[in-house]
C-alpha atoms as a PDB file:
ATOM      1  CA  MET A   1       5.417  10.230  34.240  1.00  0.00           C
ATOM      2  CA  SER A   2       7.721  13.150  33.551  1.00  0.00           C
ATOM      3  CA  PHE A   3       7.783  14.781  30.134  1.00  0.00           C
ATOM      4  CA  GLU A   4      11.304  13.502  29.501  1.00  0.00           C
ATOM      5  CA  LYS A   5      10.267   9.922  30.299  1.00  0.00           C
ATOM      6  CA  TYR A   6       7.273  10.341  28.009  1.00  0.00           C
ATOM      7  CA  LYS A   7       9.527  11.483  25.172  1.00  0.00           C
ATOM      8  CA  GLU A   8      11.911   8.615  25.842  1.00  0.00           C
ATOM      9  CA  ALA A   9       9.080   6.083  25.733  1.00  0.00           C
ATOM     10  CA  LYS A  10       7.865   7.415  22.388  1.00  0.00           C
ATOM     11  CA  GLN A  11      11.376   7.225  20.954  1.00  0.00           C
ATOM     12  CA  LEU A  12      11.928   3.686  22.227  1.00  0.00           C
ATOM     13  CA  PHE A  13       8.612   2.562  20.748  1.00  0.00           C
ATOM     14  CA  GLY A  14       9.465   4.224  17.441  1.00  0.00           C
ATOM     15  CA  ASP A  15      12.836   2.459  17.375  1.00  0.00           C
ATOM     16  CA  ARG A  16      11.083  -0.829  18.111  1.00  0.00           C
ATOM     17  CA  VAL A  17       8.589  -0.387  15.256  1.00  0.00           C
ATOM     18  CA  GLN A  18      11.339   0.559  12.824  1.00  0.00           C
ATOM     19  CA  ALA A  19      13.537  -2.397  13.810  1.00  0.00           C
ATOM     20  CA  LEU A  20      10.692  -4.936  13.481  1.00  0.00           C
ATOM     21  CA  ARG A  21       9.555  -3.409  10.204  1.00  0.00           C
ATOM     22  CA  LYS A  22      13.026  -3.618   8.669  1.00  0.00           C
ATOM     23  CA  GLU A  23      13.529  -7.169   9.942  1.00  0.00           C
ATOM     24  CA  ARG A  24      10.479  -8.182   7.937  1.00  0.00           C
ATOM     25  CA  GLY A  25      11.482  -6.270   4.830  1.00  0.00           C
ATOM     26  CA  ILE A  26       8.454  -3.993   5.031  1.00  0.00           C
ATOM     27  CA  THR A  27       8.736  -0.423   3.774  1.00  0.00           C
ATOM     28  CA  GLN A  28       7.112   2.546   5.462  1.00  0.00           C
ATOM     29  CA  GLU A  29       4.806   2.819   2.471  1.00  0.00           C
ATOM     30  CA  GLN A  30       3.656  -0.795   2.845  1.00  0.00           C
ATOM     31  CA  LEU A  31       3.083  -0.440   6.581  1.00  0.00           C
ATOM     32  CA  ALA A  32       1.145   2.789   6.041  1.00  0.00           C
ATOM     33  CA  GLU A  33      -1.031   1.124   3.412  1.00  0.00           C
ATOM     34  CA  HIS A  34      -1.750  -1.831   5.686  1.00  0.00           C
ATOM     35  CA  ILE A  35      -2.909   0.260   8.656  1.00  0.00           C
ATOM     36  CA  TYR A  36      -4.559   3.005   6.596  1.00  0.00           C
ATOM     37  CA  LYS A  37      -2.220   5.775   7.676  1.00  0.00           C
ATOM     38  CA  SER A  38       0.045   8.111   5.729  1.00  0.00           C
ATOM     39  CA  VAL A  39       3.772   7.482   5.265  1.00  0.00           C
ATOM     40  CA  GLU A  40       4.328  10.700   7.204  1.00  0.00           C
ATOM     41  CA  HIS A  41       2.350   9.244  10.133  1.00  0.00           C
ATOM     42  CA  ILE A  42       4.599   6.157  10.207  1.00  0.00           C
ATOM     43  CA  SER A  43       7.682   8.359  10.001  1.00  0.00           C
ATOM     44  CA  TYR A  44       6.526  10.466  12.955  1.00  0.00           C
ATOM     45  CA  ILE A  45       5.975   7.329  15.046  1.00  0.00           C
ATOM     46  CA  GLU A  46       9.378   5.889  14.180  1.00  0.00           C
ATOM     47  CA  ARG A  47      11.084   9.192  14.962  1.00  0.00           C
ATOM     48  CA  GLY A  48       9.354   9.338  18.328  1.00  0.00           C
ATOM     49  CA  GLU A  49       7.406  12.462  17.424  1.00  0.00           C
ATOM     50  CA  ARG A  50       3.931  10.997  17.687  1.00  0.00           C
ATOM     51  CA  ALA A  51       2.311   8.813  20.339  1.00  0.00           C
ATOM     52  CA  PRO A  52       0.159   6.222  18.536  1.00  0.00           C
ATOM     53  CA  SER A  53      -3.345   5.441  19.701  1.00  0.00           C
ATOM     54  CA  PHE A  54      -4.057   1.978  21.112  1.00  0.00           C
ATOM     55  CA  GLU A  55      -5.963   1.160  17.921  1.00  0.00           C
ATOM     56  CA  THR A  56      -2.894   2.068  15.850  1.00  0.00           C
ATOM     57  CA  ILE A  57      -0.686  -0.090  18.100  1.00  0.00           C
ATOM     58  CA  LEU A  58      -3.041  -3.037  17.481  1.00  0.00           C
ATOM     59  CA  ASP A  59      -2.920  -2.419  13.730  1.00  0.00           C
ATOM     60  CA  ILE A  60       0.882  -2.166  13.706  1.00  0.00           C
ATOM     61  CA  ALA A  61       1.185  -5.412  15.659  1.00  0.00           C
ATOM     62  CA  GLU A  62      -1.108  -7.148  13.175  1.00  0.00           C
ATOM     63  CA  ALA A  63       0.780  -5.728  10.185  1.00  0.00           C
ATOM     64  CA  LEU A  64       4.134  -6.855  11.619  1.00  0.00           C
ATOM     65  CA  LYS A  65       2.631 -10.216  12.634  1.00  0.00           C
ATOM     66  CA  VAL A  66       3.675  -9.914  16.276  1.00  0.00           C
ATOM     67  CA  SER A  67       1.761  -9.832  19.543  1.00  0.00           C
ATOM     68  CA  VAL A  68       1.085  -6.513  21.227  1.00  0.00           C
ATOM     69  CA  PRO A  69       3.257  -7.431  24.264  1.00  0.00           C
ATOM     70  CA  TYR A  70       6.125  -8.322  21.916  1.00  0.00           C
ATOM     71  CA  LEU A  71       5.724  -5.048  20.045  1.00  0.00           C
ATOM     72  CA  MET A  72       5.676  -3.097  23.312  1.00  0.00           C
ATOM     73  CA  ASN A  73       8.765  -4.847  24.681  1.00  0.00           C
ATOM     74  CA  VAL A  74      11.009  -1.777  24.593  1.00  0.00           C
ATOM     75  CA  THR A  75      14.128  -1.471  26.727  1.00  0.00           C
ATOM     76  CA  PRO A  76      16.181   1.717  27.119  1.00  0.00           C
ATOM     77  CA  GLN A  77      19.597   1.449  25.495  1.00  0.00           C
ATOM     78  CA  THR A  78      22.730   2.748  27.182  1.00  0.00           C
ATOM     79  CA  ASP A  79      23.496   4.995  24.261  1.00  0.00           C
ATOM     80  CA  ILE A  80      20.097   6.717  24.388  1.00  0.00           C
ATOM     81  CA  SER A  81      20.266  10.051  26.129  1.00  0.00           C
ATOM     82  CA  THR A  82      17.459  11.213  28.377  1.00  0.00           C
ATOM     83  CA  ASN A  83      17.920  14.777  27.162  1.00  0.00           C
ATOM     84  CA  PHE A  84      15.475  14.360  24.273  1.00  0.00           C
ATOM     85  CA  LEU A  85      14.354  17.985  24.203  1.00  0.00           C
ATOM     86  CA  THR A  86      17.655  19.040  22.708  1.00  0.00           C
ATOM     87  CA  GLU A  87      18.107  16.031  20.450  1.00  0.00           C
ATOM     88  CA  LEU A  88      14.620  16.145  18.938  1.00  0.00           C
ATOM     89  CA  GLN A  89      14.517  19.838  18.094  1.00  0.00           C
ATOM     90  CA  THR A  90      15.644  19.201  14.528  1.00  0.00           C
ATOM     91  CA  PRO A  91      14.900  15.557  13.720  1.00  0.00           C
ATOM     92  CA  ALA A  92      16.503  14.075  10.655  1.00  0.00           C
ATOM     93  CA  VAL A  93      14.279  13.049   7.771  1.00  0.00           C
ATOM     94  CA  PRO A  94      14.619   9.294   7.136  1.00  0.00           C
ATOM     95  CA  PRO A  95      16.080   8.420   3.706  1.00  0.00           C
ATOM     96  CA  SER A  96      12.997   6.306   3.019  1.00  0.00           C
ATOM     97  CA  LEU A  97      10.940   9.507   2.714  1.00  0.00           C
ATOM     98  CA  VAL A  98      13.189  10.924   0.019  1.00  0.00           C
ATOM     99  CA  GLU A  99      12.881   9.595  -3.504  1.00  0.00           C
ATOM    100  CA  PRO A 100      16.277   9.192  -5.216  1.00  0.00           C
ATOM    101  CA  VAL A 101      16.957  11.529  -8.153  1.00  0.00           C
ATOM    102  CA  ASP A 102      19.469  11.147 -10.954  1.00  0.00           C
ATOM    103  CA  GLU A 103      20.678  14.729 -10.678  1.00  0.00           C
ATOM    104  CA  PRO A 104      19.977  17.430  -8.082  1.00  0.00           C
ATOM    105  CA  VAL A 105      17.836  20.391  -9.063  1.00  0.00           C
ATOM    106  CA  ASN A 106      20.284  23.247  -8.787  1.00  0.00           C
ATOM    107  CA  THR A 107      19.406  25.947 -11.241  1.00  0.00           C
ATOM    108  CA  THR A 108      16.782  28.631 -10.775  1.00  0.00           C
ATOM    109  CA  LYS A 109      15.361  27.702 -14.162  1.00  0.00           C
ATOM    110  CA  GLU A 110      14.876  24.070 -13.116  1.00  0.00           C
ATOM    111  CA  ARG A 111      13.222  25.052  -9.830  1.00  0.00           C
ATOM    112  CA  ARG A 112      10.902  27.454 -11.628  1.00  0.00           C
ATOM    113  CA  SER A 113       9.937  24.721 -14.071  1.00  0.00           C
ATOM    114  CA  ASP A 114       9.059  22.346 -11.230  1.00  0.00           C
ATOM    115  CA  LEU A 115       7.051  25.043  -9.460  1.00  0.00           C
ATOM    116  CA  GLU A 116       5.071  25.655 -12.631  1.00  0.00           C
ATOM    117  CA  ARG A 117       4.409  21.934 -13.002  1.00  0.00           C
ATOM    118  CA  LEU A 118       3.355  21.766  -9.350  1.00  0.00           C
ATOM    119  CA  GLN A 119       0.965  24.690  -9.796  1.00  0.00           C
ATOM    120  CA  THR A 120      -0.576  23.052 -12.853  1.00  0.00           C
ATOM    121  CA  ALA A 121      -0.985  19.791 -10.946  1.00  0.00           C
ATOM    122  CA  LEU A 122      -2.567  21.564  -7.958  1.00  0.00           C
ATOM    123  CA  GLU A 123      -5.087  23.268 -10.228  1.00  0.00           C
ATOM    124  CA  ALA A 124      -6.015  19.870 -11.669  1.00  0.00           C
ATOM    125  CA  ILE A 125      -6.342  18.454  -8.137  1.00  0.00           C
ATOM    126  CA  GLN A 126      -8.650  21.309  -7.162  1.00  0.00           C
ATOM    127  CA  GLU A 127     -10.825  20.486 -10.165  1.00  0.00           C
ATOM    128  CA  LEU A 128     -10.748  16.813  -9.151  1.00  0.00           C
ATOM    129  CA  GLN A 129     -11.823  17.744  -5.615  1.00  0.00           C
ATOM    130  CA  SER A 130     -14.718  19.810  -6.957  1.00  0.00           C
ATOM    131  CA  LEU A 131     -15.885  16.734  -8.857  1.00  0.00           C
ATOM    132  CA  ALA A 132     -15.370  14.567  -5.774  1.00  0.00           C
ATOM    133  CA  ASN A 133     -17.580  16.891  -3.715  1.00  0.00           C
ATOM    134  CA  GLU A 134     -20.470  16.058  -6.023  1.00  0.00           C
ATOM    135  CA  TYR A 135     -20.028  12.387  -5.141  1.00  0.00           C
ATOM    136  CA  GLY A 136     -19.849  12.897  -1.372  1.00  0.00           C
ATOM    137  CA  ILE A 137     -16.044  12.718  -1.050  1.00  0.00           C
ATOM    138  CA  ASN A 138     -14.648  15.561   1.054  1.00  0.00           C
ATOM    139  CA  ASP A 139     -10.939  14.880   0.524  1.00  0.00           C
ATOM    140  CA  VAL A 140      -9.447  12.993  -2.438  1.00  0.00           C
ATOM    141  CA  PHE A 141      -6.234  12.481  -0.456  1.00  0.00           C
ATOM    142  CA  GLN A 142      -7.964  10.849   2.521  1.00  0.00           C
ATOM    143  CA  ASP A 143      -8.915   7.158   2.697  1.00  0.00           C
ATOM    144  CA  ASN A 144      -8.196   6.498  -1.002  1.00  0.00           C
ATOM    145  CA  GLY A 145     -10.663   9.233  -1.943  1.00  0.00           C
ATOM    146  CA  GLY A 146      -9.334   9.578  -5.488  1.00  0.00           C
ATOM    147  CA  LYS A 147      -9.664   5.863  -6.152  1.00  0.00           C
ATOM    148  CA  VAL A 148     -13.129   5.745  -4.609  1.00  0.00           C
ATOM    149  CA  LEU A 149     -14.218   8.633  -6.857  1.00  0.00           C
ATOM    150  CA  GLN A 150     -13.070   6.754  -9.955  1.00  0.00           C
ATOM    151  CA  VAL A 151     -14.999   3.651  -8.910  1.00  0.00           C
ATOM    152  CA  LEU A 152     -18.145   5.605  -8.051  1.00  0.00           C
ATOM    153  CA  ILE A 153     -18.201   7.264 -11.463  1.00  0.00           C
ATOM    154  CA  LEU A 154     -17.646   3.978 -13.304  1.00  0.00           C
ATOM    155  CA  LEU A 155     -20.456   2.298 -11.351  1.00  0.00           C
ATOM    156  CA  GLY A 156     -22.868   5.239 -11.282  1.00  0.00           C
ATOM    157  CA  LEU A 157     -22.947   5.428  -7.478  1.00  0.00           C
ATOM    158  CA  ARG A 158     -22.658   8.092  -4.778  1.00  0.00           C
ATOM    159  CA  ILE A 159     -21.303   7.981  -1.230  1.00  0.00           C
ATOM    160  CA  SER A 160     -24.206   7.492   1.154  1.00  0.00           C
ATOM    161  CA  PRO A 161     -24.607  10.771   3.107  1.00  0.00           C
ATOM    162  CA  GLY A 162     -24.169  10.600   6.862  1.00  0.00           C
ATOM    163  CA  ARG A 163     -22.634   7.139   6.819  1.00  0.00           C
ATOM    164  CA  GLU A 164     -19.134   6.056   7.835  1.00  0.00           C
ATOM    165  CA  GLY A 165     -16.704   4.378   5.484  1.00  0.00           C
ATOM    166  CA  ASN A 166     -17.361   3.750   1.812  1.00  0.00           C
ATOM    167  CA  ASP A 167     -21.068   3.015   1.910  1.00  0.00           C
ATOM    168  CA  ALA A 168     -22.406   3.792  -1.568  1.00  0.00           C
ATOM    169  CA  ILE A 169     -25.925   4.151  -2.958  1.00  0.00           C
ATOM    170  CA  ASP A 170     -27.405   4.047  -6.436  1.00  0.00           C
ATOM    171  CA  ALA A 171     -30.248   6.092  -7.933  1.00  0.00           C
ATOM    172  CA  GLU A 172     -32.817   3.742  -6.362  1.00  0.00           C
ATOM    173  CA  GLN A 173     -31.223   4.170  -2.911  1.00  0.00           C
ATOM    174  CA  ASN A 174     -29.899   0.611  -2.864  1.00  0.00           C
ATOM    175  CA  GLU A 175     -26.855   0.375  -0.617  1.00  0.00           C
ATOM    176  CA  TYR A 176     -23.477  -1.145  -1.487  1.00  0.00           C
ATOM    177  CA  GLU A 177     -20.251  -1.879   0.365  1.00  0.00           C
ATOM    178  CA  LEU A 178     -17.323  -0.415  -1.552  1.00  0.00           C
ATOM    179  CA  LYS A 179     -13.713  -1.515  -0.985  1.00  0.00           C
ATOM    180  CA  THR A 180     -10.412  -0.816  -2.737  1.00  0.00           C
ATOM    181  CA  ILE A 181      -7.235  -2.880  -2.598  1.00  0.00           C
ATOM    182  CA  ASN A 182      -3.717  -2.310  -3.920  1.00  0.00           C
ATOM    183  CA  LYS A 183      -2.661  -5.819  -4.951  1.00  0.00           C
ATOM    184  CA  LEU A 184       0.993  -4.755  -5.046  1.00  0.00           C
ATOM    185  CA  LEU A 185       0.880  -4.305  -1.270  1.00  0.00           C
ATOM    186  CA  SER A 186      -1.794  -6.702  -0.070  1.00  0.00           C
ATOM    187  CA  LYS A 187      -3.612  -9.859  -1.082  1.00  0.00           C
ATOM    188  CA  SER A 188      -6.567  -9.311   1.244  1.00  0.00           C
ATOM    189  CA  VAL A 189      -9.429  -6.831   1.494  1.00  0.00           C
ATOM    190  CA  THR A 190      -9.691  -5.044   4.835  1.00  0.00           C
ATOM    191  CA  THR A 191     -13.039  -4.600   6.569  1.00  0.00           C
ATOM    192  CA  ASN A 192     -13.485  -2.616   9.786  1.00  0.00           C
ATOM    193  CA  HIS A 193     -11.172  -1.912  12.724  1.00  0.00           C
ATOM    194  CA  HIS A 194     -14.000  -2.627  15.167  1.00  0.00           C
ATOM    195  CA  LEU A 195     -16.171  -5.178  13.418  1.00  0.00           C
ATOM    196  CA  ASN A 196     -19.184  -5.874  15.633  1.00  0.00           C
ATOM    197  CA  LEU A 197     -22.631  -7.402  15.155  1.00  0.00           C
ATOM    198  CA  ASP A 198     -24.164  -4.121  13.932  1.00  0.00           C
ATOM    199  CA  ILE A 199     -21.530  -3.710  11.207  1.00  0.00           C
ATOM    200  CA  LEU A 200     -21.846  -7.378  10.323  1.00  0.00           C
ATOM    201  CA  ALA A 201     -25.588  -6.929   9.873  1.00  0.00           C
ATOM    202  CA  LYS A 202     -24.905  -4.055   7.501  1.00  0.00           C
ATOM    203  CA  TYR A 203     -22.445  -6.173   5.523  1.00  0.00           C
ATOM    204  CA  ARG A 204     -25.174  -8.800   5.054  1.00  0.00           C
ATOM    205  CA  ALA A 205     -27.910  -6.298   4.222  1.00  0.00           C
ATOM    206  CA  VAL A 206     -26.281  -4.397   1.341  1.00  0.00           C
ATOM    207  CA  LYS A 207     -27.382  -5.216  -2.198  1.00  0.00           C
ATOM    208  CA  ALA A 208     -23.799  -6.113  -3.194  1.00  0.00           C
ATOM    209  CA  TRP A 209     -20.139  -5.576  -2.445  1.00  0.00           C
ATOM    210  CA  TYR A 210     -17.926  -3.869  -5.003  1.00  0.00           C
ATOM    211  CA  ILE A 211     -14.190  -4.592  -4.737  1.00  0.00           C
ATOM    212  CA  ALA A 212     -11.887  -2.392  -6.838  1.00  0.00           C
ATOM    213  CA  VAL A 213      -8.470  -3.932  -7.462  1.00  0.00           C
ATOM    214  CA  TYR A 214      -5.579  -1.557  -8.135  1.00  0.00           C
ATOM    215  CA  GLU A 215      -1.927  -1.930  -8.999  1.00  0.00           C
ATOM    216  CA  GLY A 216      -0.521   1.223  -7.468  1.00  0.00           C
ATOM    217  CA  ILE A 217      -2.880   3.911  -8.780  1.00  0.00           C
ATOM    218  CA  VAL A 218      -3.966   1.986 -11.880  1.00  0.00           C
ATOM    219  CA  LEU A 219      -7.406   0.376 -11.715  1.00  0.00           C
ATOM    220  CA  LYS A 220      -7.204  -3.212 -12.960  1.00  0.00           C
ATOM    221  CA  ALA A 221     -10.569  -4.725 -12.080  1.00  0.00           C
ATOM    222  CA  ILE A 222     -13.858  -4.259 -10.232  1.00  0.00           C
ATOM    223  CA  TYR A 223     -15.726  -7.279  -8.863  1.00  0.00           C
ATOM    224  CA  ARG A 224     -19.344  -7.372  -7.755  1.00  0.00           C
ATOM    225  CA  VAL A 225     -19.899  -9.874  -4.951  1.00  0.00           C
ATOM    226  CA  ASP A 226     -23.245 -10.954  -3.548  1.00  0.00           C
ATOM    227  CA  PRO A 227     -23.261 -10.905   0.295  1.00  0.00           C
ATOM    228  CA  THR A 228     -24.432 -14.531   0.330  1.00  0.00           C
ATOM    229  CA  SER A 229     -21.118 -15.506  -1.283  1.00  0.00           C
ATOM    230  CA  LEU A 230     -19.345 -14.121   1.785  1.00  0.00           C
ATOM    231  CA  GLU A 231     -21.618 -15.789   4.326  1.00  0.00           C
ATOM    232  CA  THR A 232     -18.957 -18.313   5.351  1.00  0.00           C
ATOM    233  CA  LYS A 233     -16.770 -15.418   6.446  1.00  0.00           C
ATOM    234  CA  PHE A 234     -19.673 -13.599   8.093  1.00  0.00           C
ATOM    235  CA  SER A 235     -20.727 -16.658  10.060  1.00  0.00           C
ATOM    236  CA  TYR A 236     -17.204 -17.262  11.308  1.00  0.00           C
ATOM    237  CA  TRP A 237     -16.838 -13.661  12.427  1.00  0.00           C
ATOM    238  CA  GLU A 238     -20.220 -13.779  14.142  1.00  0.00           C
ATOM    239  CA  SER A 239     -19.258 -16.923  16.048  1.00  0.00           C
ATOM    240  CA  ARG A 240     -16.089 -15.216  17.320  1.00  0.00           C
ATOM    241  CA  ILE A 241     -18.009 -12.145  18.479  1.00  0.00           C
ATOM    242  CA  ARG A 242     -20.754 -14.187  20.174  1.00  0.00           C
ATOM    243  CA  GLY A 243     -18.029 -16.285  21.751  1.00  0.00           C
ATOM    244  CA  GLY A 244     -17.030 -13.368  23.955  1.00  0.00           C
ATOM    245  CA  MET A 245     -15.354 -10.761  21.767  1.00  0.00           C
ATOM    246  CA  GLU A 246     -16.804  -7.264  21.772  1.00  0.00           C
ATOM    247  CA  SER A 247     -15.483  -6.693  18.264  1.00  0.00           C
ATOM    248  CA  ILE A 248     -12.907  -8.045  15.809  1.00  0.00           C
ATOM    249  CA  ASN A 249      -9.988  -5.894  14.690  1.00  0.00           C
ATOM    250  CA  ASN A 250     -10.113  -5.583  10.909  1.00  0.00           C
ATOM    251  CA  PRO A 251     -10.699  -9.163   9.684  1.00  0.00           C
ATOM    252  CA  LYS A 252      -9.672  -9.721   6.082  1.00  0.00           C
ATOM    253  CA  ILE A 253     -11.213 -11.250   2.966  1.00  0.00           C
ATOM    254  CA  ALA A 254      -8.740 -12.923   0.626  1.00  0.00           C
ATOM    255  CA  LEU A 255      -8.567 -11.429  -2.859  1.00  0.00           C
ATOM    256  CA  SER A 256      -8.586 -14.976  -4.236  1.00  0.00           C
ATOM    257  CA  LEU A 257     -12.052 -15.468  -2.710  1.00  0.00           C
ATOM    258  CA  ILE A 258     -13.271 -12.230  -4.314  1.00  0.00           C
ATOM    259  CA  GLU A 259     -11.943 -13.317  -7.698  1.00  0.00           C
ATOM    260  CA  LYS A 260     -13.564 -16.735  -7.313  1.00  0.00           C
ATOM    261  CA  GLU A 261     -16.992 -15.650  -6.073  1.00  0.00           C
ATOM    262  CA  GLY A 262     -17.303 -12.230  -7.682  1.00  0.00           C
ATOM    263  CA  GLU A 263     -18.621 -11.100 -11.048  1.00  0.00           C
ATOM    264  CA  LEU A 264     -16.090  -9.077 -13.042  1.00  0.00           C
ATOM    265  CA  VAL A 265     -17.843  -5.813 -13.988  1.00  0.00           C
ATOM    266  CA  TYR A 266     -14.741  -3.873 -15.027  1.00  0.00           C
ATOM    267  CA  PRO A 267     -13.227  -4.107 -17.517  1.00  0.00           C
ATOM    268  CA  LYS A 268     -16.230  -5.197 -19.536  1.00  0.00           C
ATOM    269  CA  GLN A 269     -15.908  -8.633 -21.059  1.00  0.00           C
ATOM    270  CA  ASN A 270     -16.550  -9.089 -24.778  1.00  0.00           C
END
């Protein structure tokens, strides 16, 4: 495939994702949250500036509730030029990436004030990252690191060294599965993009699951769930894998099930 055809294919796929997303009333922020990517990542895909991995394509299809073939059904339009090198040199920033403001910042004084506020915020973030390092979190901006740090401190846990995901341990080296959910964007807890029998065994073996429920960036509740309370889900997933699937792509656990089966540990009840 020529470079120009490659660029065209990326642009057509990006247009397809954007059209399906808007048809369903899903914002870039909501799609990014669902597939665990940044808003910038979604914007790059929709502008045809990034070729998504096959795993990302699967996640996008699931988020948009369409099949992969339907998602990939892109057809060149007559008004799309093949000379993408020229057209994509200075891509426009989608309006969805720009927050509306009441009045533009025009004066030097106003810009200086915002720069000072930004510098103060960055210094606080650096202090936050230093604290996060002590808990095994390398980047507070990656994978809900800031939220995970808050939960770890409240529960007295640490990230388990050398493990993937949010595996946490306590002072006695007991292991826990730690998940966060933004209930404004989703009503289900995500698991693993390649859930297989090994990961399922780990899910069953941990001492407990902790599910932190957020509204935006505000922590509303933390539930402790015994793995045996999730066995119905585990057994169903196992039957699907043993039925011929190598792995399952990110099966979900309904928040309603967590609230029903879990013990509320935050906020403390009187």
